[in-house]
Amino acid sequence: MPYELYRPGGGVGRAGVFFRDIEMVSESDLVLALFPESDPMEGGTAHVVEKAQDQRVPVYAYTVDDDLKLHRLGEWDADEAWSHTVPGG
């Protein structure tokens, strides 16, 4: 699966990260968000999930346990375009 690395820019501190998240999502077909089991839907990754929903980009969120097993936390995929492709968790 091709991927691209996005570094914060376009602002100082948190503003740079905020704008990076928006840019990253706007250029994505799908967002797969991984969270530790201890902190689901927290931090910067939660912001990426929010921006994906704002921009109508399908997003699937998972927690990852200590054995690196995925557990589906939730998703937003209005057209179910990716439901048969993403990990089930």
PDB file of N, CA and C in Angstrom:
ATOM      1  N   MET A   1       0.845  -1.160   0.000  1.00  0.00           N
ATOM      2  CA  MET A   1       0.000   0.000   0.000  1.00  0.00           C
ATOM      3  C   MET A   1       0.899   1.236   0.000  1.00  0.00           C
ATOM      4  N   PRO A   2       0.742   2.114  -0.939  1.00  0.00           N
ATOM      5  CA  PRO A   2       1.580   3.329  -0.947  1.00  0.00           C
ATOM      6  C   PRO A   2       1.210   4.246   0.216  1.00  0.00           C
ATOM      7  N   TYR A   3       2.191   4.949   0.713  1.00  0.00           N
ATOM      8  CA  TYR A   3       1.967   5.899   1.792  1.00  0.00           C
ATOM      9  C   TYR A   3       2.883   7.089   1.606  1.00  0.00           C
ATOM     10  N   GLU A   4       2.581   8.167   2.312  1.00  0.00           N
ATOM     11  CA  GLU A   4       3.388   9.378   2.250  1.00  0.00           C
ATOM     12  C   GLU A   4       3.544   9.914   3.666  1.00  0.00           C
ATOM     13  N   LEU A   5       4.733  10.391   3.991  1.00  0.00           N
ATOM     14  CA  LEU A   5       5.018  10.959   5.302  1.00  0.00           C
ATOM     15  C   LEU A   5       4.701  12.453   5.281  1.00  0.00           C
ATOM     16  N   TYR A   6       3.955  12.904   6.264  1.00  0.00           N
ATOM     17  CA  TYR A   6       3.607  14.325   6.401  1.00  0.00           C
ATOM     18  C   TYR A   6       4.216  14.852   7.680  1.00  0.00           C
ATOM     19  N   ARG A   7       5.014  15.885   7.553  1.00  0.00           N
ATOM     20  CA  ARG A   7       5.597  16.539   8.719  1.00  0.00           C
ATOM     21  C   ARG A   7       4.836  17.840   8.980  1.00  0.00           C
ATOM     22  N   PRO A   8       4.724  18.240  10.255  1.00  0.00           N
ATOM     23  CA  PRO A   8       4.046  19.502  10.549  1.00  0.00           C
ATOM     24  C   PRO A   8       4.722  20.669   9.842  1.00  0.00           C
ATOM     25  N   GLY A   9       3.934  21.585   9.387  1.00  0.00           N
ATOM     26  CA  GLY A   9       4.430  22.787   8.726  1.00  0.00           C
ATOM     27  C   GLY A   9       3.297  23.785   8.631  1.00  0.00           C
ATOM     28  N   GLY A  10       3.552  24.934   8.069  1.00  0.00           N
ATOM     29  CA  GLY A  10       2.496  25.916   7.877  1.00  0.00           C
ATOM     30  C   GLY A  10       2.033  26.583   9.163  1.00  0.00           C
ATOM     31  N   GLY A  11       2.798  26.466  10.197  1.00  0.00           N
ATOM     32  CA  GLY A  11       2.434  27.077  11.466  1.00  0.00           C
ATOM     33  C   GLY A  11       3.422  26.639  12.527  1.00  0.00           C
ATOM     34  N   VAL A  12       3.367  27.284  13.629  1.00  0.00           N
ATOM     35  CA  VAL A  12       4.282  26.971  14.719  1.00  0.00           C
ATOM     36  C   VAL A  12       3.547  26.137  15.761  1.00  0.00           C
ATOM     37  N   GLY A  13       4.221  25.138  16.315  1.00  0.00           N
ATOM     38  CA  GLY A  13       3.650  24.338  17.391  1.00  0.00           C
ATOM     39  C   GLY A  13       2.423  23.566  16.963  1.00  0.00           C
ATOM     40  N   ARG A  14       1.391  23.613  17.802  1.00  0.00           N
ATOM     41  CA  ARG A  14       0.159  22.853  17.554  1.00  0.00           C
ATOM     42  C   ARG A  14      -0.522  23.293  16.269  1.00  0.00           C
ATOM     43  N   ALA A  15      -0.406  24.555  15.884  1.00  0.00           N
ATOM     44  CA  ALA A  15      -1.032  25.028  14.653  1.00  0.00           C
ATOM     45  C   ALA A  15      -0.477  24.279  13.448  1.00  0.00           C
ATOM     46  N   GLY A  16       0.830  24.030  13.441  1.00  0.00           N
ATOM     47  CA  GLY A  16       1.442  23.291  12.343  1.00  0.00           C
ATOM     48  C   GLY A  16       0.906  21.879  12.247  1.00  0.00           C
ATOM     49  N   VAL A  17       0.707  21.243  13.388  1.00  0.00           N
ATOM     50  CA  VAL A  17       0.167  19.881  13.421  1.00  0.00           C
ATOM     51  C   VAL A  17      -1.290  19.890  12.959  1.00  0.00           C
ATOM     52  N   PHE A  18      -2.056  20.866  13.403  1.00  0.00           N
ATOM     53  CA  PHE A  18      -3.463  20.998  13.023  1.00  0.00           C
ATOM     54  C   PHE A  18      -3.601  21.096  11.510  1.00  0.00           C
ATOM     55  N   PHE A  19      -2.820  21.971  10.883  1.00  0.00           N
ATOM     56  CA  PHE A  19      -2.898  22.146   9.431  1.00  0.00           C
ATOM     57  C   PHE A  19      -2.352  20.928   8.690  1.00  0.00           C
ATOM     58  N   ARG A  20      -1.348  20.277   9.246  1.00  0.00           N
ATOM     59  CA  ARG A  20      -0.820  19.046   8.658  1.00  0.00           C
ATOM     60  C   ARG A  20      -1.907  17.974   8.607  1.00  0.00           C
ATOM     61  N   ASP A  21      -2.668  17.830   9.690  1.00  0.00           N
ATOM     62  CA  ASP A  21      -3.737  16.839   9.733  1.00  0.00           C
ATOM     63  C   ASP A  21      -4.772  17.089   8.637  1.00  0.00           C
ATOM     64  N   ILE A  22      -5.158  18.345   8.472  1.00  0.00           N
ATOM     65  CA  ILE A  22      -6.145  18.700   7.446  1.00  0.00           C
ATOM     66  C   ILE A  22      -5.609  18.373   6.057  1.00  0.00           C
ATOM     67  N   GLU A  23      -4.363  18.737   5.784  1.00  0.00           N
ATOM     68  CA  GLU A  23      -3.757  18.453   4.483  1.00  0.00           C
ATOM     69  C   GLU A  23      -3.652  16.946   4.246  1.00  0.00           C
ATOM     70  N   MET A  24      -3.212  16.228   5.251  1.00  0.00           N
ATOM     71  CA  MET A  24      -3.028  14.787   5.133  1.00  0.00           C
ATOM     72  C   MET A  24      -4.360  14.109   4.792  1.00  0.00           C
ATOM     73  N   VAL A  25      -5.411  14.476   5.475  1.00  0.00           N
ATOM     74  CA  VAL A  25      -6.720  13.880   5.222  1.00  0.00           C
ATOM     75  C   VAL A  25      -7.247  14.283   3.846  1.00  0.00           C
ATOM     76  N   SER A  26      -7.047  15.534   3.454  1.00  0.00           N
ATOM     77  CA  SER A  26      -7.588  16.003   2.166  1.00  0.00           C
ATOM     78  C   SER A  26      -6.972  15.271   0.983  1.00  0.00           C
ATOM     79  N   GLU A  27      -5.800  14.684   1.170  1.00  0.00           N
ATOM     80  CA  GLU A  27      -5.138  13.956   0.090  1.00  0.00           C
ATOM     81  C   GLU A  27      -5.290  12.442   0.235  1.00  0.00           C
ATOM     82  N   SER A  28      -6.192  12.012   1.118  1.00  0.00           N
ATOM     83  CA  SER A  28      -6.353  10.586   1.402  1.00  0.00           C
ATOM     84  C   SER A  28      -7.643  10.037   0.833  1.00  0.00           C
ATOM     85  N   ASP A  29      -7.605   8.761   0.472  1.00  0.00           N
ATOM     86  CA  ASP A  29      -8.807   8.038   0.055  1.00  0.00           C
ATOM     87  C   ASP A  29      -9.445   7.336   1.246  1.00  0.00           C
ATOM     88  N   LEU A  30      -8.638   7.040   2.256  1.00  0.00           N
ATOM     89  CA  LEU A  30      -9.063   6.279   3.415  1.00  0.00           C
ATOM     90  C   LEU A  30      -8.143   6.619   4.583  1.00  0.00           C
ATOM     91  N   VAL A  31      -8.701   6.659   5.784  1.00  0.00           N
ATOM     92  CA  VAL A  31      -7.907   6.834   6.992  1.00  0.00           C
ATOM     93  C   VAL A  31      -8.080   5.589   7.853  1.00  0.00           C
ATOM     94  N   LEU A  32      -6.954   4.978   8.230  1.00  0.00           N
ATOM     95  CA  LEU A  32      -6.927   3.894   9.204  1.00  0.00           C
ATOM     96  C   LEU A  32      -6.261   4.461  10.450  1.00  0.00           C
ATOM     97  N   ALA A  33      -6.998   4.535  11.532  1.00  0.00           N
ATOM     98  CA  ALA A  33      -6.496   5.138  12.765  1.00  0.00           C
ATOM     99  C   ALA A  33      -6.258   4.043  13.801  1.00  0.00           C
ATOM    100  N   LEU A  34      -5.063   4.027  14.375  1.00  0.00           N
ATOM    101  CA  LEU A  34      -4.690   3.028  15.375  1.00  0.00           C
ATOM    102  C   LEU A  34      -4.451   3.715  16.714  1.00  0.00           C
ATOM    103  N   PHE A  35      -5.093   3.190  17.757  1.00  0.00           N
ATOM    104  CA  PHE A  35      -4.992   3.742  19.103  1.00  0.00           C
ATOM    105  C   PHE A  35      -4.548   2.653  20.063  1.00  0.00           C
ATOM    106  N   PRO A  36      -3.785   3.011  21.101  1.00  0.00           N
ATOM    107  CA  PRO A  36      -3.515   2.017  22.156  1.00  0.00           C
ATOM    108  C   PRO A  36      -4.820   1.717  22.894  1.00  0.00           C
ATOM    109  N   GLU A  37      -4.946   0.512  23.392  1.00  0.00           N
ATOM    110  CA  GLU A  37      -6.165   0.151  24.125  1.00  0.00           C
ATOM    111  C   GLU A  37      -6.420   1.070  25.311  1.00  0.00           C
ATOM    112  N   SER A  38      -5.352   1.579  25.907  1.00  0.00           N
ATOM    113  CA  SER A  38      -5.497   2.422  27.095  1.00  0.00           C
ATOM    114  C   SER A  38      -6.005   3.832  26.788  1.00  0.00           C
ATOM    115  N   ASP A  39      -5.903   4.278  25.544  1.00  0.00           N
ATOM    116  CA  ASP A  39      -6.307   5.643  25.180  1.00  0.00           C
ATOM    117  C   ASP A  39      -7.060   5.689  23.850  1.00  0.00           C
ATOM    118  N   PRO A  40      -8.173   4.999  23.726  1.00  0.00           N
ATOM    119  CA  PRO A  40      -8.888   5.044  22.446  1.00  0.00           C
ATOM    120  C   PRO A  40      -9.481   6.425  22.180  1.00  0.00           C
ATOM    121  N   MET A  41      -9.389   6.851  20.959  1.00  0.00           N
ATOM    122  CA  MET A  41      -9.948   8.119  20.483  1.00  0.00           C
ATOM    123  C   MET A  41      -9.439   9.316  21.267  1.00  0.00           C
ATOM    124  N   GLU A  42      -8.144   9.326  21.532  1.00  0.00           N
ATOM    125  CA  GLU A  42      -7.513  10.435  22.240  1.00  0.00           C
ATOM    126  C   GLU A  42      -6.374  10.997  21.399  1.00  0.00           C
ATOM    127  N   GLY A  43      -5.964  12.207  21.700  1.00  0.00           N
ATOM    128  CA  GLY A  43      -4.773  12.805  21.121  1.00  0.00           C
ATOM    129  C   GLY A  43      -4.923  13.218  19.671  1.00  0.00           C
ATOM    130  N   GLY A  44      -3.766  13.364  19.047  1.00  0.00           N
ATOM    131  CA  GLY A  44      -3.716  13.849  17.672  1.00  0.00           C
ATOM    132  C   GLY A  44      -4.375  12.925  16.676  1.00  0.00           C
ATOM    133  N   THR A  45      -4.317  11.622  16.911  1.00  0.00           N
ATOM    134  CA  THR A  45      -4.951  10.688  15.984  1.00  0.00           C
ATOM    135  C   THR A  45      -6.464  10.879  15.999  1.00  0.00           C
ATOM    136  N   ALA A  46      -7.033  11.198  17.153  1.00  0.00           N
ATOM    137  CA  ALA A  46      -8.465  11.491  17.228  1.00  0.00           C
ATOM    138  C   ALA A  46      -8.802  12.730  16.391  1.00  0.00           C
ATOM    139  N   HIS A  47      -7.884  13.696  16.355  1.00  0.00           N
ATOM    140  CA  HIS A  47      -8.096  14.878  15.520  1.00  0.00           C
ATOM    141  C   HIS A  47      -8.122  14.491  14.044  1.00  0.00           C
ATOM    142  N   VAL A  48      -7.265  13.576  13.638  1.00  0.00           N
ATOM    143  CA  VAL A  48      -7.258  13.099  12.249  1.00  0.00           C
ATOM    144  C   VAL A  48      -8.599  12.427  11.930  1.00  0.00           C
ATOM    145  N   VAL A  49      -9.120  11.628  12.847  1.00  0.00           N
ATOM    146  CA  VAL A  49     -10.431  10.988  12.654  1.00  0.00           C
ATOM    147  C   VAL A  49     -11.513  12.054  12.469  1.00  0.00           C
ATOM    148  N   GLU A  50     -11.488  13.070  13.301  1.00  0.00           N
ATOM    149  CA  GLU A  50     -12.471  14.162  13.207  1.00  0.00           C
ATOM    150  C   GLU A  50     -12.378  14.880  11.854  1.00  0.00           C
ATOM    151  N   LYS A  51     -11.159  15.167  11.408  1.00  0.00           N
ATOM    152  CA  LYS A  51     -10.980  15.854  10.123  1.00  0.00           C
ATOM    153  C   LYS A  51     -11.423  14.963   8.961  1.00  0.00           C
ATOM    154  N   ALA A  52     -11.215  13.656   9.080  1.00  0.00           N
ATOM    155  CA  ALA A  52     -11.687  12.731   8.033  1.00  0.00           C
ATOM    156  C   ALA A  52     -13.207  12.788   7.937  1.00  0.00           C
ATOM    157  N   GLN A  53     -13.876  12.772   9.056  1.00  0.00           N
ATOM    158  CA  GLN A  53     -15.335  12.860   9.043  1.00  0.00           C
ATOM    159  C   GLN A  53     -15.783  14.197   8.461  1.00  0.00           C
ATOM    160  N   ASP A  54     -15.119  15.277   8.842  1.00  0.00           N
ATOM    161  CA  ASP A  54     -15.459  16.605   8.315  1.00  0.00           C
ATOM    162  C   ASP A  54     -15.357  16.644   6.795  1.00  0.00           C
ATOM    163  N   GLN A  55     -14.352  15.951   6.249  1.00  0.00           N
ATOM    164  CA  GLN A  55     -14.098  15.994   4.806  1.00  0.00           C
ATOM    165  C   GLN A  55     -14.727  14.812   4.061  1.00  0.00           C
ATOM    166  N   ARG A  56     -15.526  14.019   4.767  1.00  0.00           N
ATOM    167  CA  ARG A  56     -16.226  12.861   4.185  1.00  0.00           C
ATOM    168  C   ARG A  56     -15.257  11.832   3.603  1.00  0.00           C
ATOM    169  N   VAL A  57     -14.116  11.673   4.266  1.00  0.00           N
ATOM    170  CA  VAL A  57     -13.140  10.642   3.906  1.00  0.00           C
ATOM    171  C   VAL A  57     -13.422   9.439   4.802  1.00  0.00           C
ATOM    172  N   PRO A  58     -13.627   8.259   4.221  1.00  0.00           N
ATOM    173  CA  PRO A  58     -13.882   7.083   5.058  1.00  0.00           C
ATOM    174  C   PRO A  58     -12.766   6.880   6.078  1.00  0.00           C
ATOM    175  N   VAL A  59     -13.168   6.540   7.300  1.00  0.00           N
ATOM    176  CA  VAL A  59     -12.204   6.336   8.375  1.00  0.00           C
ATOM    177  C   VAL A  59     -12.615   5.112   9.190  1.00  0.00           C
ATOM    178  N   TYR A  60     -11.630   4.277   9.485  1.00  0.00           N
ATOM    179  CA  TYR A  60     -11.812   3.097  10.330  1.00  0.00           C
ATOM    180  C   TYR A  60     -10.830   3.222  11.481  1.00  0.00           C
ATOM    181  N   ALA A  61     -11.328   3.053  12.702  1.00  0.00           N
ATOM    182  CA  ALA A  61     -10.495   3.196  13.892  1.00  0.00           C
ATOM    183  C   ALA A  61     -10.389   1.858  14.617  1.00  0.00           C
ATOM    184  N   TYR A  62      -9.193   1.596  15.125  1.00  0.00           N
ATOM    185  CA  TYR A  62      -8.903   0.348  15.819  1.00  0.00           C
ATOM    186  C   TYR A  62      -8.106   0.644  17.082  1.00  0.00           C
ATOM    187  N   THR A  63      -8.249  -0.245  18.064  1.00  0.00           N
ATOM    188  CA  THR A  63      -7.300  -0.269  19.157  1.00  0.00           C
ATOM    189  C   THR A  63      -6.337  -1.413  18.867  1.00  0.00           C
ATOM    190  N   VAL A  64      -5.146  -1.300  19.424  1.00  0.00           N
ATOM    191  CA  VAL A  64      -4.117  -2.322  19.249  1.00  0.00           C
ATOM    192  C   VAL A  64      -3.744  -2.820  20.645  1.00  0.00           C
ATOM    193  N   ASP A  65      -3.853  -4.146  20.844  1.00  0.00           N
ATOM    194  CA  ASP A  65      -3.518  -4.682  22.168  1.00  0.00           C
ATOM    195  C   ASP A  65      -2.026  -4.997  22.261  1.00  0.00           C
ATOM    196  N   ASP A  66      -1.609  -5.509  23.407  1.00  0.00           N
ATOM    197  CA  ASP A  66      -0.192  -5.787  23.649  1.00  0.00           C
ATOM    198  C   ASP A  66       0.382  -6.848  22.710  1.00  0.00           C
ATOM    199  N   ASP A  67      -0.496  -7.684  22.150  1.00  0.00           N
ATOM    200  CA  ASP A  67      -0.063  -8.711  21.196  1.00  0.00           C
ATOM    201  C   ASP A  67      -0.146  -8.224  19.760  1.00  0.00           C
ATOM    202  N   LEU A  68      -0.370  -6.902  19.591  1.00  0.00           N
ATOM    203  CA  LEU A  68      -0.488  -6.246  18.284  1.00  0.00           C
ATOM    204  C   LEU A  68      -1.705  -6.715  17.491  1.00  0.00           C
ATOM    205  N   LYS A  69      -2.724  -7.184  18.187  1.00  0.00           N
ATOM    206  CA  LYS A  69      -3.972  -7.576  17.546  1.00  0.00           C
ATOM    207  C   LYS A  69      -4.891  -6.357  17.453  1.00  0.00           C
ATOM    208  N   LEU A  70      -5.529  -6.179  16.283  1.00  0.00           N
ATOM    209  CA  LEU A  70      -6.436  -5.063  16.069  1.00  0.00           C
ATOM    210  C   LEU A  70      -7.831  -5.397  16.569  1.00  0.00           C
ATOM    211  N   HIS A  71      -8.492  -4.392  17.141  1.00  0.00           N
ATOM    212  CA  HIS A  71      -9.885  -4.509  17.569  1.00  0.00           C
ATOM    213  C   HIS A  71     -10.625  -3.297  17.013  1.00  0.00           C
ATOM    214  N   ARG A  72     -11.645  -3.544  16.190  1.00  0.00           N
ATOM    215  CA  ARG A  72     -12.372  -2.441  15.567  1.00  0.00           C
ATOM    216  C   ARG A  72     -13.050  -1.603  16.630  1.00  0.00           C
ATOM    217  N   LEU A  73     -12.758  -0.328  16.611  1.00  0.00           N
ATOM    218  CA  LEU A  73     -13.316   0.633  17.559  1.00  0.00           C
ATOM    219  C   LEU A  73     -14.549   1.298  16.965  1.00  0.00           C
ATOM    220  N   GLY A  74     -14.490   1.577  15.668  1.00  0.00           N
ATOM    221  CA  GLY A  74     -15.605   2.222  14.986  1.00  0.00           C
ATOM    222  C   GLY A  74     -15.188   2.636  13.597  1.00  0.00           C
ATOM    223  N   GLU A  75     -16.140   3.129  12.843  1.00  0.00           N
ATOM    224  CA  GLU A  75     -15.845   3.560  11.477  1.00  0.00           C
ATOM    225  C   GLU A  75     -16.855   4.603  11.030  1.00  0.00           C
ATOM    226  N   TRP A  76     -16.467   5.342  10.003  1.00  0.00           N
ATOM    227  CA  TRP A  76     -17.366   6.240   9.294  1.00  0.00           C
ATOM    228  C   TRP A  76     -17.039   6.047   7.830  1.00  0.00           C
ATOM    229  N   ASP A  77     -17.939   5.388   7.125  1.00  0.00           N
ATOM    230  CA  ASP A  77     -17.768   5.086   5.701  1.00  0.00           C
ATOM    231  C   ASP A  77     -19.169   5.102   5.096  1.00  0.00           C
ATOM    232  N   ALA A  78     -19.649   6.296   4.778  1.00  0.00           N
ATOM    233  CA  ALA A  78     -21.041   6.497   4.370  1.00  0.00           C
ATOM    234  C   ALA A  78     -21.469   5.595   3.220  1.00  0.00           C
ATOM    235  N   ASP A  79     -20.575   5.343   2.283  1.00  0.00           N
ATOM    236  CA  ASP A  79     -20.919   4.519   1.123  1.00  0.00           C
ATOM    237  C   ASP A  79     -20.428   3.076   1.256  1.00  0.00           C
ATOM    238  N   GLU A  80     -19.859   2.742   2.410  1.00  0.00           N
ATOM    239  CA  GLU A  80     -19.268   1.422   2.645  1.00  0.00           C
ATOM    240  C   GLU A  80     -18.297   1.036   1.527  1.00  0.00           C
ATOM    241  N   ALA A  81     -17.559   2.022   1.041  1.00  0.00           N
ATOM    242  CA  ALA A  81     -16.617   1.816  -0.066  1.00  0.00           C
ATOM    243  C   ALA A  81     -15.439   0.932   0.325  1.00  0.00           C
ATOM    244  N   TRP A  82     -15.086   0.927   1.608  1.00  0.00           N
ATOM    245  CA  TRP A  82     -13.904   0.199   2.052  1.00  0.00           C
ATOM    246  C   TRP A  82     -14.232  -0.945   3.004  1.00  0.00           C
ATOM    247  N   SER A  83     -15.495  -1.174   3.285  1.00  0.00           N
ATOM    248  CA  SER A  83     -15.878  -2.126   4.330  1.00  0.00           C
ATOM    249  C   SER A  83     -15.396  -3.549   4.057  1.00  0.00           C
ATOM    250  N   HIS A  84     -15.216  -3.920   2.806  1.00  0.00           N
ATOM    251  CA  HIS A  84     -14.768  -5.280   2.471  1.00  0.00           C
ATOM    252  C   HIS A  84     -13.261  -5.358   2.286  1.00  0.00           C
ATOM    253  N   THR A  85     -12.555  -4.238   2.463  1.00  0.00           N
ATOM    254  CA  THR A  85     -11.120  -4.180   2.235  1.00  0.00           C
ATOM    255  C   THR A  85     -10.323  -4.029   3.519  1.00  0.00           C
ATOM    256  N   VAL A  86     -10.844  -3.272   4.454  1.00  0.00           N
ATOM    257  CA  VAL A  86     -10.112  -2.973   5.691  1.00  0.00           C
ATOM    258  C   VAL A  86     -10.106  -4.189   6.628  1.00  0.00           C
ATOM    259  N   PRO A  87      -9.159  -4.225   7.572  1.00  0.00           N
ATOM    260  CA  PRO A  87      -9.155  -5.317   8.552  1.00  0.00           C
ATOM    261  C   PRO A  87     -10.450  -5.343   9.360  1.00  0.00           C
ATOM    262  N   GLY A  88     -10.925  -6.522   9.638  1.00  0.00           N
ATOM    263  CA  GLY A  88     -12.168  -6.666  10.399  1.00  0.00           C
ATOM    264  C   GLY A  88     -12.016  -6.286  11.849  1.00  0.00           C
ATOM    265  N   GLY A  89     -10.922  -6.724  12.469  1.00  0.00           N
ATOM    266  CA  GLY A  89     -10.663  -6.404  13.865  1.00  0.00           C
ATOM    267  C   GLY A  89     -11.687  -7.012  14.756  1.00  0.00           C
TER     268      GLY A  89
END
